[in-house]
Structure formats: structure tokens, C-alpha cells
N, C-alpha and C. Protein backbone atom coordinates (compact mmCIF):
# COMPACT_ATOMS: atom_id res chain seq x y z
N MET A 1 158.78 84.31 101.21
CA MET A 1 160.20 85.29 101.52
C MET A 1 160.81 84.35 102.07
N ARG A 2 162.00 84.54 101.96
CA ARG A 2 163.32 84.12 102.30
C ARG A 2 164.07 84.79 103.34
N MET A 3 164.24 83.92 105.03
CA MET A 3 165.44 84.43 105.66
C MET A 3 166.50 83.88 105.55
N LEU A 4 167.46 84.72 105.35
CA LEU A 4 168.73 84.55 105.23
C LEU A 4 169.65 84.44 106.72
N VAL A 5 170.51 83.55 107.17
CA VAL A 5 171.34 83.77 108.57
C VAL A 5 172.63 84.09 108.08
N MET A 6 173.34 84.75 108.43
CA MET A 6 174.77 85.39 108.26
C MET A 6 175.61 85.46 109.31
N PHE A 7 176.78 84.53 109.70
CA PHE A 7 177.23 84.33 110.92
C PHE A 7 178.88 84.46 111.00
N ASP A 8 179.80 84.69 111.68
CA ASP A 8 180.73 85.00 112.15
C ASP A 8 181.19 84.53 113.43
N LEU A 9 181.50 83.19 113.35
CA LEU A 9 181.25 82.53 115.01
C LEU A 9 182.86 82.14 115.32
N PRO A 10 183.61 82.26 116.21
CA PRO A 10 185.11 82.06 116.80
C PRO A 10 185.04 80.47 116.88
N VAL A 11 186.08 79.74 116.11
CA VAL A 11 186.18 78.71 116.58
C VAL A 11 187.88 78.35 116.83
N THR A 12 188.46 78.70 117.38
CA THR A 12 189.57 79.01 117.95
C THR A 12 190.01 78.08 118.91
N THR A 13 188.87 77.48 120.01
CA THR A 13 189.00 76.59 120.98
C THR A 13 187.99 75.76 120.74
N ARG A 14 188.28 74.40 121.65
CA ARG A 14 187.34 73.17 121.25
C ARG A 14 185.95 73.70 121.61
N GLN A 15 185.88 74.31 122.33
CA GLN A 15 184.78 74.80 122.74
C GLN A 15 183.96 75.61 122.00
N ASP A 16 184.72 76.55 121.11
CA ASP A 16 184.16 77.47 120.33
C ASP A 16 183.86 76.58 119.23
N GLN A 17 184.43 75.35 118.39
CA GLN A 17 183.91 74.45 117.72
C GLN A 17 182.74 73.77 117.87
N ARG A 18 182.68 73.62 119.39
CA ARG A 18 181.57 72.86 119.28
C ARG A 18 180.12 73.73 119.45
N ASN A 19 180.38 74.87 119.89
CA ASN A 19 179.21 75.94 119.63
C ASN A 19 179.00 76.12 118.18
N TYR A 20 180.04 76.20 117.76
CA TYR A 20 179.72 76.40 116.07
C TYR A 20 178.77 75.49 115.46
N ARG A 21 179.33 74.34 115.87
CA ARG A 21 178.64 73.18 115.21
C ARG A 21 177.06 72.66 115.66
N GLN A 22 176.85 73.15 117.34
CA GLN A 22 175.39 73.50 117.48
C GLN A 22 174.74 74.27 116.95
N PHE A 23 175.39 75.27 116.65
CA PHE A 23 174.65 76.17 115.99
C PHE A 23 174.25 76.15 114.81
N VAL A 24 175.54 75.66 113.82
CA VAL A 24 175.17 75.18 112.33
C VAL A 24 173.72 73.86 112.54
N LYS A 25 173.95 72.95 113.76
CA LYS A 25 172.80 71.70 113.39
C LYS A 25 171.77 72.15 113.79
N ARG A 26 171.41 73.50 114.71
CA ARG A 26 170.40 73.92 114.86
C ARG A 26 169.63 74.47 113.77
N LEU A 27 170.53 75.35 112.75
CA LEU A 27 169.77 75.88 111.82
C LEU A 27 169.65 74.69 110.73
N GLU A 28 170.35 73.92 111.11
CA GLU A 28 169.78 72.82 109.83
C GLU A 28 168.28 72.05 109.97
N ASN A 29 168.34 71.97 111.54
CA ASN A 29 167.31 71.02 112.13
C ASN A 29 165.97 71.90 111.74
N LEU A 30 165.82 73.33 111.84
CA LEU A 30 165.05 74.20 111.44
C LEU A 30 164.51 74.51 110.21
N GLY A 31 165.42 73.61 109.31
CA GLY A 31 164.66 73.84 107.96
C GLY A 31 165.95 74.69 107.20
N PHE A 32 167.16 75.16 107.70
CA PHE A 32 167.82 76.11 106.81
C PHE A 32 169.22 74.86 105.83
N VAL A 33 169.46 75.93 104.81
CA VAL A 33 169.72 75.31 103.73
C VAL A 33 171.19 76.23 103.88
N ARG A 34 172.37 75.41 103.75
CA ARG A 34 173.16 76.23 103.36
C ARG A 34 173.51 76.64 101.89
N ILE A 35 173.98 78.25 101.82
CA ILE A 35 174.19 78.61 100.48
C ILE A 35 176.03 78.93 99.76
N GLN A 36 176.21 79.56 101.17
CA GLN A 36 177.66 79.71 101.41
C GLN A 36 178.11 79.17 102.67
N TYR A 37 179.61 78.86 102.71
CA TYR A 37 180.09 78.93 103.94
C TYR A 37 179.49 80.17 105.04
N SER A 38 178.86 79.81 106.42
CA SER A 38 178.13 80.89 106.87
C SER A 38 177.02 81.67 106.49
N ILE A 39 176.24 81.11 105.80
CA ILE A 39 175.13 81.82 104.95
C ILE A 39 174.32 80.84 104.79
N TYR A 40 172.94 80.98 105.37
CA TYR A 40 172.11 79.70 105.53
C TYR A 40 171.28 80.73 105.13
N VAL A 41 169.55 79.41 104.17
CA VAL A 41 168.64 80.29 104.05
C VAL A 41 167.33 79.53 104.23
N LYS A 42 166.37 79.71 104.65
CA LYS A 42 165.22 79.64 104.54
C LYS A 42 163.74 79.90 104.54
N VAL A 43 162.82 79.28 103.71
CA VAL A 43 161.95 79.64 103.28
C VAL A 43 160.76 80.11 104.79
N CYS A 44 160.01 81.07 104.75
CA CYS A 44 159.40 81.54 105.66
C CYS A 44 158.08 81.63 105.29
N THR A 45 156.57 81.86 105.82
CA THR A 45 155.32 82.07 105.45
C THR A 45 155.16 83.59 105.89
N SER A 46 155.65 84.31 106.73
CA SER A 46 155.28 85.61 107.12
C SER A 46 156.75 86.23 108.39
N PHE A 47 156.58 87.31 108.18
CA PHE A 47 157.46 88.05 109.33
C PHE A 47 157.46 87.74 110.58
N ALA A 48 156.04 87.36 111.06
CA ALA A 48 155.93 86.76 112.42
C ALA A 48 156.45 85.24 111.97
N SER A 49 156.72 84.89 111.39
CA SER A 49 157.20 83.09 111.84
C SER A 49 159.12 83.54 111.46
N THR A 50 159.36 84.78 111.11
CA THR A 50 160.98 85.06 110.94
C THR A 50 161.05 85.62 112.26
N LYS A 51 159.90 85.87 112.96
CA LYS A 51 160.48 86.60 114.42
C LYS A 51 160.80 85.13 115.30
N GLU A 52 160.10 83.90 114.92
CA GLU A 52 159.47 82.88 115.85
C GLU A 52 161.06 82.05 115.34
N VAL A 53 161.76 82.25 114.18
CA VAL A 53 162.93 81.56 114.17
C VAL A 53 163.96 82.00 114.44
N GLU A 54 163.71 83.58 114.66
CA GLU A 54 164.98 84.18 115.43
C GLU A 54 165.05 84.09 117.15
N GLN A 55 163.84 83.37 117.59
CA GLN A 55 164.05 83.20 118.76
C GLN A 55 164.11 81.88 119.42
N LYS A 56 163.91 81.02 118.03
CA LYS A 56 164.76 79.52 118.02
C LYS A 56 166.28 79.58 118.02
N ILE A 57 166.95 80.22 117.33
CA ILE A 57 168.11 79.87 117.39
C ILE A 57 168.82 80.86 118.23
N THR A 58 168.44 82.31 118.70
CA THR A 58 169.33 83.28 119.68
C THR A 58 169.87 82.17 121.26
N PRO A 59 168.91 81.14 121.66
CA PRO A 59 169.58 80.64 122.52
C PRO A 59 170.86 79.98 121.84
N TYR A 60 171.12 79.64 120.66
CA TYR A 60 172.35 78.92 120.64
C TYR A 60 173.68 79.80 119.95
N ILE A 61 173.40 81.13 120.17
CA ILE A 61 174.20 81.88 119.80
C ILE A 61 175.16 82.29 121.28
N HIS A 62 176.65 81.85 120.75
CA HIS A 62 177.25 82.18 122.00
C HIS A 62 178.34 83.22 121.40
N LYS A 63 178.53 84.02 122.47
CA LYS A 63 179.68 85.33 122.93
C LYS A 63 180.84 85.15 122.14
N GLY A 64 180.86 86.29 121.32
CA GLY A 64 182.55 86.58 120.89
C GLY A 64 182.11 86.36 119.19
N GLY A 65 181.00 86.17 118.72
CA GLY A 65 180.57 86.06 117.33
C GLY A 65 179.87 87.35 116.97
N ILE A 66 179.25 87.17 115.70
CA ILE A 66 178.58 87.93 115.09
C ILE A 66 177.48 87.04 114.34
N VAL A 67 176.04 87.36 114.38
CA VAL A 67 175.25 86.90 113.44
C VAL A 67 173.73 87.76 113.18
N GLN A 68 173.49 87.57 111.70
CA GLN A 68 172.71 88.99 111.80
C GLN A 68 171.75 88.02 110.58
N THR A 69 170.53 88.61 110.61
CA THR A 69 169.55 88.07 109.54
C THR A 69 169.17 89.15 108.71
N LEU A 70 168.32 88.68 107.56
CA LEU A 70 167.82 89.34 106.51
C LEU A 70 166.66 88.70 105.70
N VAL A 71 165.44 89.40 105.64
CA VAL A 71 164.59 88.71 105.53
C VAL A 71 164.26 89.42 103.85
N ILE A 72 164.02 88.52 102.78
CA ILE A 72 163.80 88.90 101.30
C ILE A 72 162.52 88.54 100.72
N THR A 73 161.96 89.17 99.56
CA THR A 73 160.87 88.29 99.12
C THR A 73 161.55 87.37 98.21
N GLU A 74 160.69 86.35 97.95
CA GLU A 74 161.21 85.27 96.84
C GLU A 74 161.89 86.05 95.65
N LYS A 75 160.90 87.06 94.99
CA LYS A 75 161.56 87.71 94.03
C LYS A 75 162.62 88.32 94.03
N GLN A 76 163.01 89.04 94.97
CA GLN A 76 164.49 89.29 95.32
C GLN A 76 165.29 88.38 95.37
N TYR A 77 164.95 87.29 95.78
CA TYR A 77 166.10 86.04 96.33
C TYR A 77 165.79 85.36 94.66
N ALA A 78 164.89 85.41 93.74
CA ALA A 78 165.30 84.90 92.29
C ALA A 78 166.23 85.81 91.57
N TRP A 79 166.14 87.02 91.81
CA TRP A 79 167.35 87.75 91.00
C TRP A 79 168.77 87.55 91.84
N MET A 80 168.98 86.62 92.52
CA MET A 80 170.30 86.66 92.50
C MET A 80 171.44 85.73 91.47
N HIS A 81 172.11 86.62 91.14
CA HIS A 81 172.79 85.93 90.21
C HIS A 81 174.34 85.03 90.61
N PHE A 82 174.60 84.36 90.20
CA PHE A 82 175.97 83.34 89.96
C PHE A 82 176.80 84.00 89.48
N LEU A 83 177.99 84.69 89.65
CA LEU A 83 179.00 85.55 89.07
C LEU A 83 180.03 83.97 88.51
N THR A 84 180.43 83.14 89.58
CA THR A 84 181.22 81.84 89.59
C THR A 84 180.69 80.88 90.09
N GLY A 85 180.49 79.66 89.98
CA GLY A 85 180.14 78.70 90.77
C GLY A 85 178.93 78.39 89.93
N THR A 86 178.33 76.92 90.52
CA THR A 86 176.82 76.59 90.24
C THR A 86 176.27 76.64 91.08
N PRO A 87 174.79 76.92 91.29
CA PRO A 87 173.90 76.68 91.98
C PRO A 87 173.61 76.10 92.92
N SER A 88 172.91 75.79 93.57
CA SER A 88 172.84 74.52 94.50
C SER A 88 171.62 74.19 93.90
N ARG A 89 171.00 72.79 93.81
CA ARG A 89 169.95 72.37 93.25
C ARG A 89 169.14 71.76 94.23
N ASP A 90 169.50 71.77 95.25
CA ASP A 90 168.86 71.24 96.90
C ASP A 90 167.07 71.64 96.82
N VAL A 91 166.47 70.72 96.40
CA VAL A 91 165.22 70.65 96.41
C VAL A 91 164.57 71.32 97.53
N ARG A 92 165.27 71.76 98.77
CA ARG A 92 164.54 72.71 99.63
C ARG A 92 164.66 73.91 99.49
N ASN A 93 165.77 74.49 98.57
CA ASN A 93 166.53 75.80 97.91
C ASN A 93 165.50 76.22 96.98
N LEU A 94 164.60 75.38 96.40
CA LEU A 94 163.81 75.58 95.11
C LEU A 94 162.64 76.89 95.20
N SER A 95 162.08 77.69 94.71
CA SER A 95 161.39 78.61 94.98
C SER A 95 159.96 77.87 94.34
N GLU A 96 160.11 76.76 93.15
CA GLU A 96 159.09 76.09 92.87
C GLU A 96 157.97 75.30 93.76
N ARG A 97 159.24 74.82 94.95
CA ARG A 97 158.50 74.02 95.69
C ARG A 97 157.70 74.75 96.70
N LEU A 98 157.91 76.35 96.86
CA LEU A 98 157.01 76.88 97.80
C LEU A 98 155.50 76.76 97.26
N VAL A 99 154.83 76.56 98.38
CA VAL A 99 153.02 76.66 98.31
C VAL A 99 152.74 77.50 99.54
N ILE A 100 152.06 78.60 99.10
CA ILE A 100 151.71 79.13 100.31
C ILE A 100 149.91 79.35 100.26
N LEU A 101 149.51 78.80 101.44
CA LEU A 101 147.92 78.33 101.63
C LEU A 101 147.37 79.98 102.34
């Protein structure tokens, strides 16, 4: 399954910009890959692991913005269509890489 994190965080002040960078860095350190500006995705093995990830990113969310998560299956993720632009070939974002034990 895939966990998507979608967010809209303020970046009007220097502190807001710092908070934004810290949040994005935290997502990347947890294995998330950016698929669009403010939309990151990560492969998770279970719903329990998605809850753990949410708990890890929650302390990095600062007031004044909105952060949402969405969990979808691999099959649903594969149904994504690119109407314009080209898909990322980042190996971390490919479903062929997924191994479930």
C-alpha cells in the first residue's frame, strides 16, 4: 500500500520557511518521495505502519497549515494516469521494487 502526504504550509516568514524545510526533510528521511509539490508518497507494509509514520511526522507539523494523509493500495496507485508531464522514474517510487515478506 502507498501512503500519500499532502500539505499546504505557510511560508510567509523566515520561521515558516524553516518549519516547512524541516517538515519536508523529515518526510524524506522517513523514505517519502515527492511526486508533486507538496505531495509525497511512501510504500507502507500495513495500516499499522501508516499510523506509526503519522505519529513520526506529527511533531513536525506547525500551526497555520494543513496536512492530510491518504492510504491506497498498490493497484490503485498503479491506476494513476499522467495527463501531462512525465512520471518520475525514481527507483524508490516504483512498485516493481516492492517486496512483501
